Amino acid sequence: MMKSFNYGQDILSSAIAVSIAKGETKGILTEEVTTGINRSAQYVQEIVDAGKVVYGINTGFGPLCTSLIGANDTKKLQENILKSHAVGVGEPIDAELSKLMLILKVQALAKGYSGVQLTTVERIIWHIENDVIPVVPKQGSVGASGDLAPLSHLFLPLIGLGKVWYQGKISATQDVLDQYGMEAIHLGAKEGLALINGTQFMAAHGVKAVVEMKRLMDNADLIATLMIEGLNGSIKPFFSELHQLRPYKGNVFVASTIFNLLKGSEVLESHKNCSRVQDPYSLRCIPQVHGASRNAWLHFKEIIETEINSVTDNPIIINSELTISGGSFHGQPIALPLDYATLAVSELGNISDRRVYLSLEGETNGVPKLLMKSTGLNSGFMILQYSTAAIASENKGLCFPASADSIPTSLGQEDHVSMGSISGRKLLQVLDNVDKILSIELLCAAQAKDYHQPLKSTAVIEAIHQHIRESIPHIEEDQPMTDLLDAALELVKSGALVEVANKVASQHGVEYLGTGASYFEC
């Protein structure tokens, strides 16, 4: 039976939003919520009928806020704002992100403070449920008066304009409506402004990033543990006695997870009396570095989930006597965390690149230089690290915070903007880049571990190593690496290794996830 979610009433999480987008959860409007939406729309109508001057209902927008609009033109005004503000440029964002934007907008409108008609909200839900997803260009939002340009493109289809993704291709909206025998809707007073004011472009990127970053962090911990085994790393840096003295949630979780994964390993036992006093930082400081990224994720998740359960348009309709023109559309509260999360993800790539380099040095007993026995004629895994270095360097450029900039717009009316839309786009790009770095570390770690056979690691580590070897062979001669890289990347992006780890841990009745695991769920 499909799960359900009550728009405007239930607390929306990133995971639930993604589940609705995938069609695994159905979003519904309860009677209580529809009553609130209708009440708010009635307040707007009372304002129009009374001839009260309220921004965005019977005035122009931005610097035209002092231009009064006659009662007969208030509806035309709302369609015009969609047309005039749909000036986004560049390639379209993924249909998944556009769909998330629709879901987040319904959640905000369903709170009952935006003055939109129930029929408008129901039409947006129709788009979600029938996968008629608006085409939204990537560029054009400065992240302050809401994501004006992308949201305008998102809602042009409501009035029969713009383009949509439908059945795997881009079509004119009107052509798809004709197939369904449907007409465009007519916007009422204030509706156009309610639709395009808001942070749903930025927030949709944040929602996707919360889920993807969680998957990436889980992969990073597993792959790093595999590398520790491959390079004869010590288990001592993961002792709880150490981390109780500096008990950051992320650090404690990472250390205890890796301890659980290594405890009882034959490989670990084979070198416990070696002469090496301590490991390089890229092994020894995994709890501190991975943990710091997890700490950043905790804050990031909290901020994004506050945002997607908020009302972010303008003006806010409290009742027919009180409307508030404020700044709840301003993206600054999420722009800063989006930039912070970008840095946190990039650091996972930086330390992964260092472990790749470390694996090539040939300083581990039994593990050959460049991870191949016959080098000279063969270059081994040497050039893989060039790729991780190049990607890590690219990420460093992307880490410059977009929110550090502000360019005034709207003839100075909007004189401070967040640029959070750029922050969100960069975050997803860095996430994709770090997936690639981790996939290369996976190749190197699996190769290094092979040289310790017949010694066995723990059940979980052996299982993920075996799963890797089902699609990626051990190699001892140079060969084109493209197919191996693609296979490794698929393992990382699919979350398959994490699934294997959870399954095997459950089968063997052993602990896998460390202390405080519940904090790190979506």
Protein backbone atom coordinates (compact mmCIF):
# COMPACT_ATOMS: atom_id res chain seq x y z
CA MET A 1 0.00 0.00 0.00
CA MET A 2 1.40 3.41 -0.99
CA LYS A 3 2.39 5.72 1.84
CA SER A 4 0.63 9.07 2.10
CA PHE A 5 1.69 12.57 3.09
CA ASN A 6 -0.65 15.39 4.14
CA TYR A 7 0.47 18.60 2.43
CA GLY A 8 0.51 21.61 4.72
CA GLN A 9 -0.02 19.52 7.86
CA ASP A 10 2.68 16.88 8.07
CA ILE A 11 6.35 17.73 8.47
CA LEU A 12 8.06 17.34 5.11
CA SER A 13 11.56 15.85 5.18
CA SER A 14 14.02 15.65 2.33
CA ALA A 15 13.53 11.89 2.14
CA ILE A 16 9.73 12.23 1.98
CA ALA A 17 9.97 14.91 -0.73
CA VAL A 18 12.16 12.60 -2.82
CA SER A 19 9.75 9.72 -2.15
CA ILE A 20 6.82 11.79 -3.46
CA ALA A 21 8.87 12.72 -6.52
CA LYS A 22 9.59 9.04 -7.20
CA GLY A 23 5.91 8.15 -6.89
CA GLU A 24 6.47 6.07 -3.76
CA THR A 25 4.43 8.40 -1.53
CA LYS A 26 1.19 10.17 -2.43
CA GLY A 27 0.72 13.76 -1.34
CA ILE A 28 -2.85 14.68 -0.44
CA LEU A 29 -4.84 17.73 0.65
CA THR A 30 -6.96 17.12 3.73
CA GLU A 31 -10.28 18.86 4.35
CA GLU A 32 -8.67 20.99 7.01
CA VAL A 33 -5.98 22.17 4.62
CA THR A 34 -8.38 22.89 1.77
CA THR A 35 -10.48 24.96 4.18
CA GLY A 36 -7.41 27.01 5.07
CA ILE A 37 -6.47 27.53 1.42
CA ASN A 38 -10.01 28.70 0.59
CA ARG A 39 -10.06 31.00 3.60
CA SER A 40 -6.83 32.68 2.52
CA ALA A 41 -8.12 33.13 -1.04
CA GLN A 42 -11.26 34.70 0.36
CA TYR A 43 -9.18 37.20 2.34
CA VAL A 44 -7.54 38.29 -0.92
CA GLN A 45 -10.91 38.71 -2.61
CA GLU A 46 -12.15 40.81 0.30
CA ILE A 47 -9.09 43.04 -0.06
CA VAL A 48 -9.78 43.49 -3.79
CA ASP A 49 -13.47 44.16 -3.23
CA ALA A 50 -12.71 46.74 -0.53
CA GLY A 51 -10.22 48.52 -2.76
CA LYS A 52 -7.43 48.36 -0.16
CA VAL A 53 -3.97 48.99 -1.51
CA VAL A 54 -1.84 45.89 -0.88
CA TYR A 55 1.48 45.13 -2.57
CA GLY A 56 1.23 42.54 -5.30
CA ILE A 57 -2.56 42.35 -5.18
CA ASN A 58 -3.40 45.70 -6.74
CA THR A 59 0.05 47.26 -7.22
CA GLY A 60 2.93 46.65 -9.56
CA PHE A 61 5.97 44.65 -8.50
CA GLY A 62 9.42 45.52 -7.20
CA PRO A 63 10.23 49.16 -8.02
CA LEU A 64 6.69 49.48 -9.48
CA CYS A 65 5.14 48.89 -6.06
CA THR A 66 3.67 52.41 -6.05
CA SER A 67 1.84 51.85 -9.34
CA LEU A 68 -1.80 51.11 -8.58
CA ILE A 69 -3.65 48.53 -10.66
CA GLY A 70 -7.39 48.76 -11.27
CA ALA A 71 -9.68 46.00 -9.99
CA ASN A 72 -10.45 44.86 -13.54
CA ASP A 73 -6.74 44.28 -14.24
CA THR A 74 -5.68 42.42 -11.10
CA LYS A 75 -5.99 39.01 -12.78
CA LYS A 76 -4.16 40.15 -15.91
CA LEU A 77 -1.41 41.47 -13.64
CA GLN A 78 -0.82 37.97 -12.24
CA GLU A 79 -0.44 36.36 -15.66
CA ASN A 80 1.86 39.15 -16.79
CA ILE A 81 4.23 38.55 -13.90
CA LEU A 82 4.73 34.93 -14.99
CA LYS A 83 5.40 36.02 -18.57
CA SER A 84 7.73 38.90 -17.76
CA HIS A 85 9.76 37.06 -15.15
CA ALA A 86 10.33 33.86 -17.16
CA VAL A 87 13.77 34.99 -18.36
CA GLY A 88 15.90 32.05 -17.20
CA VAL A 89 18.75 30.94 -19.45
CA GLY A 90 20.98 27.91 -19.89
CA GLU A 91 20.29 24.20 -19.99
CA PRO A 92 17.24 22.96 -18.09
CA ILE A 93 17.63 21.48 -14.64
CA ASP A 94 16.85 17.79 -14.26
CA ALA A 95 13.16 16.95 -14.35
CA GLU A 96 13.61 15.47 -10.86
CA LEU A 97 14.58 18.90 -9.51
CA SER A 98 11.63 20.58 -11.27
CA LYS A 99 9.32 18.01 -9.73
CA LEU A 100 10.79 18.63 -6.29
CA MET A 101 10.16 22.35 -6.81
CA LEU A 102 6.48 21.61 -7.47
CA ILE A 103 6.25 19.47 -4.34
CA LEU A 104 7.90 22.10 -2.17
CA LYS A 105 5.63 24.83 -3.54
CA VAL A 106 2.51 22.79 -2.77
CA GLN A 107 3.72 22.28 0.80
CA ALA A 108 4.21 26.05 1.22
CA LEU A 109 0.91 27.07 -0.40
CA ALA A 110 -0.99 24.45 1.61
CA LYS A 111 -0.09 26.31 4.80
CA GLY A 112 -2.89 28.74 3.92
CA TYR A 113 -1.10 32.09 4.03
CA SER A 114 -0.57 32.76 0.33
CA GLY A 115 -4.04 33.66 -0.96
CA VAL A 116 -4.06 31.22 -3.86
CA GLN A 117 -7.13 29.40 -5.14
CA LEU A 118 -7.62 25.74 -4.30
CA THR A 119 -7.92 24.97 -8.02
CA THR A 120 -4.39 26.32 -8.56
CA VAL A 121 -2.92 24.05 -5.90
CA GLU A 122 -4.86 21.09 -7.29
CA ARG A 123 -3.49 21.77 -10.79
CA ILE A 124 0.08 21.77 -9.47
CA ILE A 125 -0.61 18.39 -7.82
CA TRP A 126 -1.99 17.15 -11.16
CA HIS A 127 1.36 18.01 -12.76
CA ILE A 128 3.18 16.07 -10.03
CA GLU A 129 1.00 12.98 -10.21
CA ASN A 130 0.93 12.78 -14.00
CA ASP A 131 4.62 13.52 -14.50
CA VAL A 132 3.93 16.58 -16.60
CA ILE A 133 6.98 18.41 -15.31
CA PRO A 134 7.81 22.01 -16.30
CA VAL A 135 11.11 22.75 -18.02
CA VAL A 136 13.15 25.18 -15.89
CA PRO A 137 16.44 26.78 -17.03
CA LYS A 138 19.40 26.56 -14.66
CA GLN A 139 20.41 30.21 -14.61
CA GLY A 140 18.69 33.47 -13.80
CA SER A 141 17.90 33.49 -10.07
CA VAL A 142 19.76 35.73 -7.63
CA GLY A 143 18.01 34.04 -4.71
CA ALA A 144 16.38 37.00 -3.04
CA SER A 145 12.84 37.96 -4.12
CA GLY A 146 12.47 34.26 -4.25
CA ASP A 147 13.72 32.29 -7.21
CA LEU A 148 11.77 34.55 -9.55
CA ALA A 149 12.95 33.39 -12.97
CA PRO A 150 12.97 29.62 -12.36
CA LEU A 151 9.65 29.70 -10.55
CA SER A 152 8.11 31.70 -13.40
CA HIS A 153 9.18 28.98 -15.84
CA LEU A 154 7.89 26.37 -13.40
CA PHE A 155 4.40 27.86 -13.45
CA LEU A 156 4.01 29.06 -17.02
CA PRO A 157 2.35 25.69 -17.78
CA LEU A 158 -0.49 26.60 -15.41
CA ILE A 159 -1.57 29.26 -17.91
CA GLY A 160 -0.87 27.06 -20.92
CA LEU A 161 2.56 28.46 -21.77
CA GLY A 162 6.13 27.18 -21.53
CA LYS A 163 7.36 23.64 -22.01
CA VAL A 164 7.12 20.42 -20.01
CA TRP A 165 8.87 17.09 -19.72
CA TYR A 166 6.32 14.45 -20.69
CA GLN A 167 6.89 10.77 -21.49
CA GLY A 168 10.63 11.25 -21.81
CA LYS A 169 10.69 14.28 -24.08
CA ILE A 170 10.15 18.04 -24.00
CA SER A 171 6.80 19.20 -25.39
CA ALA A 172 4.86 22.45 -25.58
CA THR A 173 2.54 22.68 -22.58
CA GLN A 174 -0.56 23.29 -24.68
CA ASP A 175 0.07 20.13 -26.71
CA VAL A 176 0.09 18.02 -23.54
CA LEU A 177 -3.00 19.76 -22.13
CA ASP A 178 -4.78 19.03 -25.40
CA GLN A 179 -3.96 15.33 -25.05
CA TYR A 180 -5.71 15.36 -21.67
CA GLY A 181 -8.56 17.54 -22.91
CA MET A 182 -7.68 20.17 -20.31
CA GLU A 183 -7.70 23.96 -20.35
CA ALA A 184 -5.18 26.33 -18.83
CA ILE A 185 -6.26 27.82 -15.52
CA HIS A 186 -6.96 31.51 -14.88
CA LEU A 187 -5.02 33.08 -12.06
CA GLY A 188 -6.76 35.21 -9.47
CA ALA A 189 -5.47 38.26 -7.61
CA LYS A 190 -2.10 37.73 -5.91
CA GLU A 191 -1.64 34.22 -7.31
CA GLY A 192 1.14 34.93 -9.79
CA LEU A 193 3.19 36.65 -7.12
CA ALA A 194 2.55 33.80 -4.65
CA LEU A 195 3.77 31.30 -7.21
CA ILE A 196 7.03 33.02 -8.14
CA ASN A 197 7.97 34.39 -4.72
CA GLY A 198 9.67 31.64 -2.75
CA THR A 199 12.87 29.67 -2.41
CA GLN A 200 11.79 26.43 -4.07
CA PHE A 201 14.60 26.37 -6.67
CA MET A 202 17.28 26.72 -4.00
CA ALA A 203 15.46 24.44 -1.60
CA ALA A 204 14.93 21.69 -4.20
CA HIS A 205 18.69 21.61 -4.77
CA GLY A 206 19.11 21.46 -1.00
CA VAL A 207 16.64 18.57 -0.67
CA LYS A 208 18.43 16.54 -3.31
CA ALA A 209 21.78 17.39 -1.73
CA VAL A 210 20.68 16.26 1.75
CA VAL A 211 19.80 12.82 0.39
CA GLU A 212 22.79 12.53 -1.95
CA MET A 213 25.27 13.76 0.64
CA LYS A 214 24.01 11.16 3.12
CA ARG A 215 24.61 8.41 0.55
CA LEU A 216 28.03 9.83 -0.28
CA MET A 217 29.12 10.02 3.38
CA ASP A 218 28.09 6.42 3.99
CA ASN A 219 30.09 5.33 0.95
CA ALA A 220 33.08 7.40 2.04
CA ASP A 221 33.21 5.64 5.42
CA LEU A 222 33.01 2.16 3.87
CA ILE A 223 35.57 2.83 1.15
CA ALA A 224 37.94 4.48 3.61
CA THR A 225 37.68 1.42 5.86
CA LEU A 226 38.51 -0.82 2.92
CA MET A 227 41.55 1.37 2.28
CA ILE A 228 42.63 1.16 5.93
CA GLU A 229 42.64 -2.64 5.57
CA GLY A 230 44.49 -2.48 2.27
CA LEU A 231 47.21 -0.22 3.73
CA ASN A 232 47.58 -1.95 7.11
CA GLY A 233 46.19 0.99 8.99
CA SER A 234 45.83 0.99 12.77
CA ILE A 235 42.51 0.61 14.57
CA LYS A 236 43.62 2.70 17.55
CA PRO A 237 42.58 6.10 16.12
CA PHE A 238 39.01 4.77 16.18
CA PHE A 239 38.89 3.79 19.86
CA SER A 240 35.96 5.27 21.75
CA GLU A 241 38.27 6.29 24.62
CA LEU A 242 39.79 8.88 22.31
CA HIS A 243 36.57 10.30 20.90
CA GLN A 244 34.78 10.56 24.23
CA LEU A 245 37.25 13.34 24.98
CA ARG A 246 36.15 15.34 21.90
CA PRO A 247 32.60 14.13 21.40
CA TYR A 248 31.36 15.73 18.19
CA LYS A 249 28.45 13.66 16.91
CA GLY A 250 29.97 13.14 13.47
CA ASN A 251 33.41 12.22 14.79
CA VAL A 252 32.03 9.74 17.30
CA PHE A 253 29.80 8.12 14.70
CA VAL A 254 32.53 7.75 12.07
CA ALA A 255 35.09 6.41 14.56
CA SER A 256 32.72 3.87 16.06
CA THR A 257 31.45 2.76 12.64
CA ILE A 258 34.97 2.12 11.36
CA PHE A 259 35.89 0.40 14.63
CA ASN A 260 32.90 -1.91 14.19
CA LEU A 261 33.92 -2.66 10.62
CA LEU A 262 37.52 -3.50 11.53
CA LYS A 263 37.10 -5.33 14.84
CA GLY A 264 38.17 -8.97 14.50
CA SER A 265 39.91 -8.61 11.13
CA GLU A 266 42.71 -11.12 10.43
CA VAL A 267 44.45 -8.45 8.35
CA LEU A 268 44.41 -6.12 11.33
CA GLU A 269 45.79 -8.79 13.64
CA SER A 270 48.63 -9.59 11.21
CA HIS A 271 50.34 -6.23 11.71
CA LYS A 272 49.32 -5.17 15.22
CA ASN A 273 52.91 -5.48 16.46
CA CYS A 274 54.54 -3.69 13.52
CA SER A 275 57.05 -0.88 14.06
CA ARG A 276 54.90 1.89 12.57
CA VAL A 277 53.96 4.26 15.37
CA GLN A 278 51.18 6.17 13.65
CA ASP A 279 49.49 6.44 10.27
CA PRO A 280 49.37 9.44 7.91
CA TYR A 281 46.51 11.86 8.52
CA SER A 282 44.42 10.61 5.60
CA LEU A 283 43.96 7.35 7.56
CA ARG A 284 44.40 8.44 11.16
CA CYS A 285 42.19 11.54 10.95
CA ILE A 286 39.24 10.03 9.09
CA PRO A 287 36.94 10.52 12.12
CA GLN A 288 37.90 14.19 12.35
CA VAL A 289 37.56 14.93 8.62
CA HIS A 290 34.62 12.70 7.69
CA GLY A 291 33.08 13.59 11.04
CA ALA A 292 33.30 17.32 10.38
CA SER A 293 31.46 16.83 7.10
CA ARG A 294 28.79 14.86 8.95
CA ASN A 295 28.48 17.63 11.53
CA ALA A 296 27.97 20.10 8.68
CA TRP A 297 25.33 17.78 7.19
CA LEU A 298 23.38 17.74 10.45
CA HIS A 299 23.10 21.53 10.39
CA PHE A 300 22.41 21.58 6.66
CA LYS A 301 19.58 19.05 7.00
CA GLU A 302 18.02 21.02 9.86
CA ILE A 303 18.07 24.25 7.85
CA ILE A 304 16.67 22.70 4.68
CA GLU A 305 13.85 21.00 6.54
CA THR A 306 12.95 24.23 8.30
CA GLU A 307 12.85 25.94 4.91
CA ILE A 308 10.67 23.38 3.14
CA ASN A 309 8.10 23.54 5.93
CA SER A 310 7.92 27.33 5.83
CA VAL A 311 5.89 29.95 3.98
CA THR A 312 8.34 31.88 1.79
CA ASP A 313 6.25 34.05 -0.53
CA ASN A 314 5.24 37.70 -0.14
CA PRO A 315 3.07 39.36 0.99
CA ILE A 316 1.84 36.99 3.67
CA ILE A 317 -1.93 36.99 4.11
CA ILE A 318 -2.76 36.74 7.82
CA ASN A 319 -6.37 37.87 7.32
CA SER A 320 -8.27 40.49 5.31
CA GLU A 321 -7.15 43.17 7.75
CA LEU A 322 -3.49 42.17 8.06
CA THR A 323 -1.12 41.52 5.20
CA ILE A 324 2.64 41.68 5.76
CA SER A 325 5.11 42.57 3.06
CA GLY A 326 8.34 41.21 4.45
CA GLY A 327 11.41 39.31 3.33
CA SER A 328 10.60 35.64 3.86
CA PHE A 329 11.52 34.96 0.21
CA HIS A 330 15.16 35.94 0.84
CA GLY A 331 17.46 32.97 0.32
CA GLN A 332 20.18 33.93 2.79
CA PRO A 333 19.14 31.43 5.51
CA ILE A 334 19.77 28.52 3.13
CA ALA A 335 22.42 30.10 0.86
CA LEU A 336 25.04 30.05 3.61
CA PRO A 337 24.42 26.38 4.55
CA LEU A 338 24.42 25.40 0.85
CA ASP A 339 27.89 26.91 0.53
CA TYR A 340 29.00 25.30 3.80
CA ALA A 341 27.74 21.91 2.60
CA THR A 342 29.68 22.34 -0.65
CA LEU A 343 32.87 22.77 1.35
CA ALA A 344 32.01 19.78 3.54
CA VAL A 345 31.48 17.54 0.50
CA SER A 346 34.64 18.80 -1.19
CA GLU A 347 36.71 17.88 1.86
CA LEU A 348 35.56 14.27 1.58
CA GLY A 349 37.04 14.33 -1.91
CA ASN A 350 40.26 16.01 -0.76
CA ILE A 351 41.06 13.36 1.85
CA SER A 352 39.99 10.56 -0.50
CA ASP A 353 42.50 11.81 -3.09
CA ARG A 354 45.22 11.69 -0.41
CA ARG A 355 44.37 8.07 0.39
CA VAL A 356 44.55 7.21 -3.30
CA TYR A 357 48.02 8.77 -3.45
CA LEU A 358 49.04 6.92 -0.27
CA SER A 359 47.97 3.58 -1.76
CA LEU A 360 50.39 4.04 -4.68
CA GLU A 361 53.53 4.70 -2.65
CA GLY A 362 54.44 1.06 -2.03
CA GLU A 363 55.13 1.62 1.69
CA THR A 364 52.72 -1.10 2.88
CA ASN A 365 54.17 -4.57 3.44
CA GLY A 366 53.02 -6.87 0.64
CA VAL A 367 51.32 -4.13 -1.36
CA PRO A 368 53.38 -3.22 -4.45
CA LYS A 369 54.17 0.27 -5.61
CA LEU A 370 51.47 1.62 -7.96
CA LEU A 371 49.30 -1.36 -6.91
CA MET A 372 50.71 -3.69 -9.53
CA LYS A 373 53.50 -6.27 -9.28
CA SER A 374 55.20 -5.69 -12.63
CA THR A 375 55.71 -1.97 -13.02
CA GLY A 376 58.02 -0.28 -15.44
CA LEU A 377 56.52 -1.97 -18.44
CA ASN A 378 53.19 -1.31 -16.70
CA SER A 379 52.28 2.06 -15.16
CA GLY A 380 49.81 0.42 -12.82
CA PHE A 381 47.30 2.65 -11.05
CA MET A 382 49.55 5.73 -11.23
CA ILE A 383 47.42 7.86 -13.52
CA LEU A 384 44.18 7.28 -11.61
CA GLN A 385 45.48 9.71 -9.02
CA TYR A 386 45.88 12.35 -11.71
CA SER A 387 42.13 12.22 -12.15
CA THR A 388 41.40 12.51 -8.43
CA ALA A 389 43.85 15.44 -8.21
CA ALA A 390 42.20 17.19 -11.16
CA ILE A 391 38.70 16.73 -9.75
CA ALA A 392 39.75 17.78 -6.24
CA SER A 393 41.29 20.92 -7.69
CA GLU A 394 38.13 21.67 -9.67
CA ASN A 395 36.12 21.35 -6.47
CA LYS A 396 38.30 23.89 -4.70
CA GLY A 397 37.32 26.50 -7.27
CA LEU A 398 33.65 25.58 -6.84
CA CYS A 399 33.95 26.05 -3.07
CA PHE A 400 34.16 29.83 -3.31
CA PRO A 401 30.90 30.81 -1.60
CA ALA A 402 28.32 32.21 -3.99
CA SER A 403 26.61 33.80 -0.99
CA ALA A 404 29.64 36.04 -0.46
CA ASP A 405 28.41 38.06 -3.45
CA SER A 406 25.46 40.39 -3.88
CA ILE A 407 24.54 42.46 -6.95
CA PRO A 408 21.61 44.85 -6.48
CA THR A 409 18.61 44.30 -8.77
CA SER A 410 15.14 45.73 -9.43
CA LEU A 411 16.38 49.33 -9.71
CA GLY A 412 17.77 49.11 -6.18
CA GLN A 413 14.56 47.90 -4.54
CA GLU A 414 16.20 44.51 -4.12
CA ASP A 415 19.56 45.83 -3.01
CA HIS A 416 20.88 42.71 -1.26
CA VAL A 417 20.51 39.26 -2.76
CA SER A 418 21.73 35.83 -1.62
CA MET A 419 22.90 34.15 -4.85
CA GLY A 420 21.77 30.91 -3.18
CA SER A 421 20.64 29.43 -6.49
CA ILE A 422 24.27 29.37 -7.58
CA SER A 423 25.21 27.81 -4.23
CA GLY A 424 22.73 24.99 -4.82
CA ARG A 425 23.91 24.29 -8.35
CA LYS A 426 27.55 24.20 -7.28
CA LEU A 427 26.77 21.84 -4.40
CA LEU A 428 25.23 19.26 -6.72
CA GLN A 429 28.21 19.59 -9.07
CA VAL A 430 30.67 18.96 -6.24
CA LEU A 431 28.63 15.99 -5.02
CA ASP A 432 28.87 14.47 -8.48
CA ASN A 433 32.62 15.15 -8.58
CA VAL A 434 33.27 13.52 -5.21
CA ASP A 435 31.35 10.44 -6.29
CA LYS A 436 33.99 10.09 -9.02
CA ILE A 437 36.87 10.54 -6.59
CA LEU A 438 35.43 7.92 -4.24
CA SER A 439 34.95 5.49 -7.12
CA ILE A 440 38.67 5.74 -7.89
CA GLU A 441 39.53 5.21 -4.22
CA LEU A 442 37.29 2.14 -4.34
CA LEU A 443 39.33 0.70 -7.22
CA CYS A 444 42.61 1.32 -5.41
CA ALA A 445 41.40 0.06 -2.01
CA ALA A 446 40.03 -3.18 -3.48
CA GLN A 447 43.28 -3.77 -5.37
CA ALA A 448 45.37 -3.14 -2.23
CA LYS A 449 43.25 -5.52 -0.16
CA ASP A 450 43.76 -8.31 -2.70
CA TYR A 451 47.43 -8.50 -1.77
CA HIS A 452 46.61 -9.55 1.81
CA GLN A 453 44.96 -12.80 0.77
CA PRO A 454 44.41 -15.38 2.15
CA LEU A 455 43.95 -13.27 5.29
CA LYS A 456 40.32 -12.33 5.85
CA SER A 457 38.80 -9.12 7.07
CA THR A 458 35.46 -8.86 8.87
CA ALA A 459 32.25 -10.24 7.36
CA VAL A 460 31.05 -6.83 6.19
CA ILE A 461 34.35 -5.77 4.63
CA GLU A 462 34.75 -9.15 2.93
CA ALA A 463 31.22 -8.88 1.56
CA ILE A 464 31.67 -5.43 0.05
CA HIS A 465 35.06 -6.46 -1.39
CA GLN A 466 33.45 -9.52 -2.96
CA HIS A 467 30.63 -7.35 -4.35
CA ILE A 468 33.19 -5.06 -5.95
CA ARG A 469 34.96 -8.02 -7.52
CA GLU A 470 31.72 -9.21 -9.13
CA SER A 471 31.95 -6.30 -11.58
CA ILE A 472 35.57 -5.14 -11.28
CA PRO A 473 38.42 -7.67 -11.59
CA HIS A 474 41.85 -7.55 -10.00
CA ILE A 475 44.31 -6.52 -12.71
CA GLU A 476 48.05 -7.07 -13.11
CA GLU A 477 48.59 -5.55 -16.57
CA ASP A 478 47.82 -2.12 -17.97
CA GLN A 479 44.50 -1.90 -19.76
CA PRO A 480 41.92 0.75 -20.63
CA MET A 481 40.25 1.74 -17.35
CA THR A 482 37.06 3.35 -18.63
CA ASP A 483 34.80 0.36 -18.06
CA LEU A 484 36.26 -0.25 -14.60
CA LEU A 485 35.78 3.41 -13.68
CA ASP A 486 32.17 3.32 -14.90
CA ALA A 487 31.48 0.17 -12.88
CA ALA A 488 33.03 1.69 -9.75
CA LEU A 489 31.05 4.89 -10.17
CA GLU A 490 27.84 2.91 -10.49
CA LEU A 491 28.61 1.10 -7.22
CA VAL A 492 29.05 4.44 -5.46
CA LYS A 493 26.06 6.22 -6.98
CA SER A 494 23.68 3.28 -6.53
CA GLY A 495 24.45 2.91 -2.83
CA ALA A 496 24.99 -0.82 -3.46
CA LEU A 497 27.92 -1.12 -1.06
CA VAL A 498 25.91 0.41 1.76
CA GLU A 499 23.06 -2.00 1.05
CA VAL A 500 25.46 -4.96 1.14
CA ALA A 501 26.99 -3.74 4.42
CA ASN A 502 23.59 -3.39 6.09
CA LYS A 503 22.40 -6.76 4.82
CA VAL A 504 25.48 -8.69 5.90
CA ALA A 505 25.63 -6.97 9.30
CA SER A 506 22.01 -7.97 9.89
CA GLN A 507 22.61 -11.55 8.73
CA HIS A 508 25.58 -11.97 11.07
CA GLY A 509 23.97 -10.14 13.97
CA VAL A 510 26.92 -7.73 14.22
CA GLU A 511 27.10 -4.01 14.75
CA TYR A 512 27.94 -1.95 11.71
CA LEU A 513 26.72 1.60 12.18
CA GLY A 514 28.33 3.41 15.06
CA THR A 515 27.19 5.47 18.03
CA GLY A 516 24.48 8.03 17.21
CA ALA A 517 23.43 6.44 13.91
CA SER A 518 19.89 7.83 14.28
CA TYR A 519 21.22 11.38 13.93
CA PHE A 520 22.39 10.59 10.41
CA GLU A 521 19.13 9.44 8.86
CA CYS A 522 17.26 11.54 6.32
